[in-house]
Each structure stands twice: as structure tokens, then as C-alpha cells.
């Protein structure tokens, strides 16, 4: 039985989901005369796994870019932790506790796995240029603290054996895992995953599903993901938002969304490239 009070709800497996962490209110995004998103509202609750799905060209990545600060909507409001968020740069959004991965992997190919994951700690660096140049006291202690947190994440995602390997040498599936590690290194309150399973084989997808569930369970991280694999979405997510041609056509628990005629029609029709 699902409890949908203002404070949260209880999932079918007994997990308690908290109150609203982020709310998108009547978001409209235009590129010239083209509307990528039209008057969409939904919320993301503390501790849940929230999925955004829809055919190609539905506006899913645009919505994720609004959440992460890459795009500023022409209409509507973004609320985070009970406060209206003004237009911000992506690095400012990251400092608020929102991290993301990308549909197309965005890693530093010439750097090692360890160094790539360390870049995720940049929003937590407090020592100044002088401290780091002298490399004494505060800067040294801070480096040790950051490295300890990164090593924990590397162990958690089972990539110890490649920690010193340049990213360029890694297969696609491991690169995806390294990108997840870098996002987790930022200790996000909200983690955005843009098609985390894209291009993976069955075994790699199973591993990534397990890690996403573990991140949500062990770190308590709220997750919002875009994914085309409907089996993955139905297995992982607590609630699902469905977009089509930039509009919201469904929103609710996976079983409810799966039975929606509008959702069925959108997925059985032609893709909207």
C-alpha cells in the first residue's frame, strides 16, 4: 500500500521516501521558435529513484539540463530544498549538491581513473592557491581527506584494479562506471544519470543496476535518471515521469505508468528524432 502524504510515501518493499527535495513548476524551454519543454511540473522526493522516460526527442535531456543549470527555462520555476532557485551556472548548481553523468561520456581520457574521480572533489576544496603551492598544513590534510573519500568510492564501485589506468584504455562499460564514481565523489544530495545503461551489454547493465540501487541504499542518495531500457526503468524506479514532444503524458508508479494508454501509444509510435 502506497502512502502519498505530503511528507513522503512508502514503497512496495517498505522503503520510506521523504518529502520533496526538488520541484519543477510549469517549466517551459524554447530554442528560438521551437519548444523543447512545454509547461511541465513534477517533483523528486528525498531518497527515491525517479525516472524520466519518453521517445527520442521528447525533451528528456533538456529537462535534465534545466535541473543541472545548463539551460535556463523561459518560464516556470525550479525549487530545491524548499527554496526557489534563481538562474545559476552549472558549477553553482553542483555546489548546492547536484551532480550528474552524461549521455556521451565526459571524462579526461589522458588521466588515470583515480585522477578523474578526484576531480569530483573540486566543489569541496577549501584551501587556497597559496596553501596548495606551499603544500603544508591545511592543503595537505585536505588532500588526504579527499583521497580517502575517493578511495572508498573506488572500492564501492569495484574499480580498484584499474585505479592507475588511463581512462582512454578502458572499455566502454568501465568508463561509464568511472563517470559514476566521479559524480559520487561530489557527495551529491541529488544524482542525475543521463542514460547510464546506453551502449552496454547485458552483464554491464546488470552491474550498473546493482550499483545504482546500492548508491541509493547505502549513501541515501536521491537519483533521477533518464533511460530507454524499459525493463531497467520498471525494476529500478519508484516513480516515473513520461514525456512526449516536450509535454508530460504520464507520472506515477511504474505499474501505473506501464498501463497508461498515452504511454503505450507514445512508445509504439514512430520515434521523434
Protein backbone atom coordinates (compact mmCIF):
# COMPACT_ATOMS: atom_id res chain seq x y z
CA UNK A 1 0.00 0.00 0.00
CA UNK A 2 1.46 3.36 -1.04
CA UNK A 3 1.26 6.29 1.35
CA UNK A 4 1.40 9.54 -0.62
CA UNK A 5 1.29 12.11 2.16
CA UNK A 6 3.00 15.48 1.85
CA UNK A 7 5.87 14.14 3.98
CA UNK A 8 6.55 11.26 1.61
CA UNK A 9 5.39 7.75 0.83
CA UNK A 10 6.19 4.13 1.49
CA UNK A 11 7.31 1.89 -1.40
CA UNK A 12 6.01 -1.60 -2.05
CA UNK A 13 9.18 -3.07 -0.50
CA UNK A 14 8.80 -0.98 2.66
CA UNK A 15 11.32 1.79 1.93
CA UNK A 16 10.36 5.16 3.34
CA UNK A 17 10.63 8.04 0.85
CA UNK A 18 10.87 11.54 2.31
CA UNK A 19 9.45 14.92 1.41
CA UNK A 20 10.03 16.92 -1.77
CA UNK A 21 13.71 17.59 -2.49
CA UNK A 22 13.31 19.23 -5.91
CA UNK A 23 10.26 20.59 -7.67
CA UNK A 24 9.89 21.66 -11.28
CA UNK A 25 6.99 24.07 -11.62
CA UNK A 26 5.47 24.75 -15.06
CA UNK A 27 8.80 24.54 -16.87
CA UNK A 28 8.82 25.77 -20.48
CA UNK A 29 12.05 25.81 -22.51
CA UNK A 30 12.34 27.24 -26.03
CA UNK A 31 15.11 27.24 -28.61
CA UNK A 32 14.10 30.03 -30.95
CA UNK A 33 10.58 29.18 -32.04
CA UNK A 34 10.85 25.53 -31.03
CA UNK A 35 9.51 24.39 -27.66
CA UNK A 36 11.67 21.64 -26.20
CA UNK A 37 9.62 21.55 -22.97
CA UNK A 38 6.06 22.78 -22.55
CA UNK A 39 4.59 23.58 -19.13
CA UNK A 40 5.89 20.53 -17.25
CA UNK A 41 5.63 20.10 -13.48
CA UNK A 42 6.84 17.24 -11.29
CA UNK A 43 8.76 16.69 -8.08
CA UNK A 44 11.63 14.49 -6.88
CA UNK A 45 11.41 13.23 -3.31
CA UNK A 46 14.19 12.62 -0.83
CA UNK A 47 15.63 9.11 -1.16
CA UNK A 48 13.71 7.96 -4.21
CA UNK A 49 14.80 6.79 -7.65
CA UNK A 50 12.87 8.94 -10.12
CA UNK A 51 12.91 8.08 -13.83
CA UNK A 52 12.23 10.34 -16.82
CA UNK A 53 11.31 8.38 -19.94
CA UNK A 54 9.99 9.05 -23.43
CA UNK A 55 10.73 8.54 -27.12
CA UNK A 56 13.77 10.12 -28.79
CA UNK A 57 13.37 13.88 -28.99
CA UNK A 58 10.80 14.01 -26.19
CA UNK A 59 12.82 16.61 -24.22
CA UNK A 60 14.25 14.35 -21.50
CA UNK A 61 17.87 15.53 -21.73
CA UNK A 62 16.68 19.12 -21.97
CA UNK A 63 14.85 18.65 -18.68
CA UNK A 64 17.96 17.17 -17.08
CA UNK A 65 19.93 20.17 -18.37
CA UNK A 66 17.42 22.52 -16.73
CA UNK A 67 17.81 20.68 -13.42
CA UNK A 68 21.62 20.83 -13.61
CA UNK A 69 21.75 24.50 -14.66
CA UNK A 70 22.96 24.07 -18.25
CA UNK A 71 19.69 25.54 -19.54
CA UNK A 72 17.59 28.31 -18.01
CA UNK A 73 13.87 27.93 -18.80
CA UNK A 74 11.98 30.91 -20.21
CA UNK A 75 9.00 30.10 -18.00
CA UNK A 76 8.49 28.26 -14.73
CA UNK A 77 10.44 27.81 -11.51
CA UNK A 78 12.95 25.34 -10.11
CA UNK A 79 12.71 24.71 -6.37
CA UNK A 80 15.38 22.88 -4.39
CA UNK A 81 15.15 22.01 -0.68
CA UNK A 82 12.16 24.30 -0.22
CA UNK A 83 13.66 27.38 -1.86
CA UNK A 84 13.20 28.85 -5.31
CA UNK A 85 16.46 28.51 -7.22
CA UNK A 86 17.48 31.58 -9.23
CA UNK A 87 19.26 31.17 -12.59
CA UNK A 88 22.63 29.59 -11.86
CA UNK A 89 25.74 28.37 -13.61
CA UNK A 90 26.32 24.59 -13.59
CA UNK A 91 29.20 24.88 -11.08
CA UNK A 92 26.91 26.79 -8.71
CA UNK A 93 24.27 24.07 -9.01
CA UNK A 94 26.97 21.47 -8.31
CA UNK A 95 27.90 23.30 -5.10
CA UNK A 96 24.26 23.03 -3.99
CA UNK A 97 24.60 19.24 -4.02
CA UNK A 98 23.54 18.20 -7.53
CA UNK A 99 25.91 16.02 -9.60
CA UNK A 100 25.42 14.29 -12.93
CA UNK A 101 26.73 11.89 -15.53
CA UNK A 102 26.37 12.48 -19.26
CA UNK A 103 24.80 10.60 -22.16
CA UNK A 104 28.12 10.91 -24.01
CA UNK A 105 30.93 10.07 -21.61
CA UNK A 106 32.76 13.22 -20.46
CA UNK A 107 36.00 12.06 -18.83
CA UNK A 108 39.61 13.21 -19.08
CA UNK A 109 40.91 10.45 -21.34
CA UNK A 110 44.60 11.06 -20.69
CA UNK A 111 44.24 10.96 -16.90
CA UNK A 112 44.09 7.91 -14.67
CA UNK A 113 40.88 6.62 -13.14
CA UNK A 114 41.99 7.88 -9.73
CA UNK A 115 42.71 11.38 -11.02
CA UNK A 116 39.38 11.51 -12.89
CA UNK A 117 37.47 10.58 -9.74
CA UNK A 118 39.48 13.13 -7.72
CA UNK A 119 38.14 15.91 -9.97
CA UNK A 120 34.74 15.20 -8.48
CA UNK A 121 36.01 16.62 -5.19
CA UNK A 122 36.68 20.09 -6.62
CA UNK A 123 33.49 21.56 -5.19
CA UNK A 124 34.72 20.57 -1.72
CA UNK A 125 38.21 22.14 -1.96
CA UNK A 126 38.58 24.86 0.68
CA UNK A 127 42.32 25.56 0.70
CA UNK A 128 43.53 28.48 -1.39
CA UNK A 129 46.18 28.72 -4.10
CA UNK A 130 48.86 29.77 -1.59
CA UNK A 131 48.12 26.80 0.69
CA UNK A 132 48.35 24.42 -2.24
CA UNK A 133 51.55 25.99 -3.55
CA UNK A 134 53.27 25.63 -0.19
CA UNK A 135 51.69 22.18 0.27
CA UNK A 136 51.74 22.27 4.00
CA UNK A 137 49.20 22.05 6.79
CA UNK A 138 45.64 22.64 5.62
CA UNK A 139 46.19 21.77 1.93
CA UNK A 140 47.96 18.53 2.79
CA UNK A 141 45.29 17.47 5.29
CA UNK A 142 42.55 18.32 2.82
CA UNK A 143 44.21 16.28 0.08
CA UNK A 144 44.39 13.27 2.40
CA UNK A 145 40.70 13.63 3.28
CA UNK A 146 39.65 13.89 -0.37
CA UNK A 147 41.78 10.92 -1.36
CA UNK A 148 40.28 8.79 1.43
CA UNK A 149 36.75 9.55 0.23
CA UNK A 150 37.70 8.81 -3.37
CA UNK A 151 39.33 5.51 -2.43
CA UNK A 152 36.12 4.49 -0.64
CA UNK A 153 34.10 5.15 -3.80
CA UNK A 154 36.61 3.26 -5.95
CA UNK A 155 36.27 0.27 -3.62
CA UNK A 156 32.47 0.62 -3.56
CA UNK A 157 32.23 0.50 -7.37
CA UNK A 158 34.78 -2.31 -7.61
CA UNK A 159 37.27 -0.50 -9.84
CA UNK A 160 40.37 -0.89 -7.63
CA UNK A 161 42.14 -2.92 -10.32
CA UNK A 162 42.03 -0.01 -12.80
CA UNK A 163 42.63 2.90 -10.43
CA UNK A 164 46.00 3.78 -12.03
CA UNK A 165 44.91 3.01 -15.62
CA UNK A 166 44.46 5.90 -18.09
CA UNK A 167 40.76 6.21 -18.94
CA UNK A 168 41.49 6.05 -22.68
CA UNK A 169 42.48 2.38 -22.30
CA UNK A 170 39.23 1.31 -20.65
CA UNK A 171 36.28 -0.42 -22.34
CA UNK A 172 33.04 1.50 -22.59
CA UNK A 173 31.28 -0.15 -19.65
CA UNK A 174 34.10 0.65 -17.23
CA UNK A 175 34.25 4.25 -18.45
CA UNK A 176 30.57 4.58 -17.51
CA UNK A 177 31.39 3.27 -14.04
CA UNK A 178 34.28 5.73 -13.67
CA UNK A 179 31.95 8.59 -14.61
CA UNK A 180 29.52 7.42 -11.93
CA UNK A 181 32.41 7.35 -9.45
CA UNK A 182 33.37 10.92 -10.29
CA UNK A 183 29.78 12.10 -9.77
CA UNK A 184 29.60 10.28 -6.42
CA UNK A 185 32.87 11.87 -5.31
CA UNK A 186 31.00 15.18 -5.16
CA UNK A 187 28.78 13.68 -2.41
CA UNK A 188 25.59 14.82 -4.15
CA UNK A 189 22.23 15.14 -2.46
CA UNK A 190 20.70 14.59 -5.92
CA UNK A 191 22.41 12.47 -8.58
CA UNK A 192 21.36 12.89 -12.22
CA UNK A 193 22.08 9.97 -14.57
CA UNK A 194 21.64 10.56 -18.31
CA UNK A 195 21.15 7.13 -19.94
CA UNK A 196 23.55 5.24 -17.64
CA UNK A 197 22.91 1.94 -19.48
CA UNK A 198 23.30 3.23 -23.06
CA UNK A 199 25.62 1.09 -25.17
CA UNK A 200 26.10 -1.59 -22.51
CA UNK A 201 25.78 -5.34 -22.87
CA UNK A 202 23.51 -7.37 -20.57
CA UNK A 203 26.21 -8.09 -17.98
CA UNK A 204 27.30 -4.45 -17.81
CA UNK A 205 23.68 -3.35 -17.39
CA UNK A 206 23.18 -5.77 -14.52
CA UNK A 207 26.29 -4.39 -12.79
CA UNK A 208 25.18 -0.79 -13.28
CA UNK A 209 21.67 -1.54 -11.96
CA UNK A 210 23.20 -3.09 -8.86
CA UNK A 211 25.45 -0.10 -8.25
CA UNK A 212 22.60 2.39 -8.71
CA UNK A 213 20.48 0.54 -6.16
CA UNK A 214 23.45 0.31 -3.78
CA UNK A 215 24.18 4.04 -4.11
CA UNK A 216 20.57 4.82 -3.27
CA UNK A 217 20.52 2.38 -0.36
CA UNK A 218 23.96 2.81 1.24
CA UNK A 219 24.59 6.52 0.62
CA UNK A 220 20.92 7.56 0.77
CA UNK A 221 21.41 9.46 -2.49
CA UNK A 222 18.31 10.65 -4.34
CA UNK A 223 18.56 9.65 -8.00
CA UNK A 224 16.89 10.99 -11.13
CA UNK A 225 17.68 9.05 -14.30
CA UNK A 226 16.88 9.01 -17.99
CA UNK A 227 16.81 5.55 -19.50
CA UNK A 228 15.41 3.90 -22.66
CA UNK A 229 15.54 0.34 -21.38
CA UNK A 230 12.00 -0.08 -20.03
CA UNK A 231 12.91 -3.24 -18.12
CA UNK A 232 15.56 -1.29 -16.22
CA UNK A 233 13.18 1.61 -15.56
CA UNK A 234 10.43 -0.64 -14.22
CA UNK A 235 12.86 -2.55 -11.99
CA UNK A 236 14.77 0.43 -10.59
CA UNK A 237 12.42 3.38 -10.27
CA UNK A 238 9.97 4.33 -7.55
CA UNK A 239 8.11 6.82 -9.76
CA UNK A 240 8.25 7.63 -13.46
CA UNK A 241 7.66 10.83 -15.46
CA UNK A 242 6.81 10.25 -19.12
CA UNK A 243 7.50 12.92 -21.76
CA UNK A 244 6.46 13.08 -25.40
CA UNK A 245 7.06 16.01 -27.78
CA UNK A 246 8.12 18.13 -24.81
CA UNK A 247 4.92 17.52 -22.83
CA UNK A 248 4.21 15.37 -19.80
CA UNK A 249 1.89 12.48 -20.67
CA UNK A 250 2.30 10.36 -17.54
CA UNK A 251 3.53 10.48 -13.96
CA UNK A 252 3.27 7.85 -11.26
CA UNK A 253 4.45 4.45 -10.04
CA UNK A 254 5.95 2.15 -12.73
CA UNK A 255 2.98 -0.25 -12.84
CA UNK A 256 0.53 2.61 -13.25
CA UNK A 257 2.59 4.25 -16.00
CA UNK A 258 3.02 0.94 -17.83
CA UNK A 259 -0.77 0.59 -18.15
CA UNK A 260 -1.33 4.13 -19.45
CA UNK A 261 -2.73 4.21 -22.99
CA UNK A 262 -0.96 7.51 -23.73
CA UNK A 263 2.38 5.99 -22.71
CA UNK A 264 1.75 2.82 -24.73
CA UNK A 265 0.84 4.86 -27.81
CA UNK A 266 3.94 7.06 -27.47
CA UNK A 267 6.27 4.06 -27.30
CA UNK A 268 4.57 2.12 -30.06
CA UNK A 269 4.54 5.06 -32.46
CA UNK A 270 7.40 6.38 -34.58
CA UNK A 271 10.42 7.92 -32.87
CA UNK A 272 10.52 11.71 -32.70
CA UNK A 273 14.04 12.48 -33.87
